[in-house]
Amino acid sequence: MNLDVSIDALPAVVEAVSRLLPRRDVFLDGGVRSGHDIYKALARGAKMVFVGRPIIWGLALGGSKGVKKVVTALRNEFNETMLLAGEE
């Protein structure tokens, strides 16, 4: 799935879910490849973002150390994006 399509649709999905099923959260899964993608999804209303594929890539390429590198990179990209967006 193309993340751009998911991200573009996300605000309308969040609004529809809020209207039809109050107190329900919307999670995004699929297409997330960076901390920047995580920030965009959260900024557009997702309450949680799943990042399975990058984790699997890290595992396949470097075992547990590869997973740690991927998680660290995602966290650093997310934090950098938050700072650039003016979030603290």
Foldseek 3Di string as FASTA:
>chain_A
DALVVVLVCLLVVQVVCCVPPNPDAAEAEPNDDALLSVLSNVVSGHPYYDDPPCLVVLCVVPNPVRNVVSVVRRVVRNVVVCVVVVHD
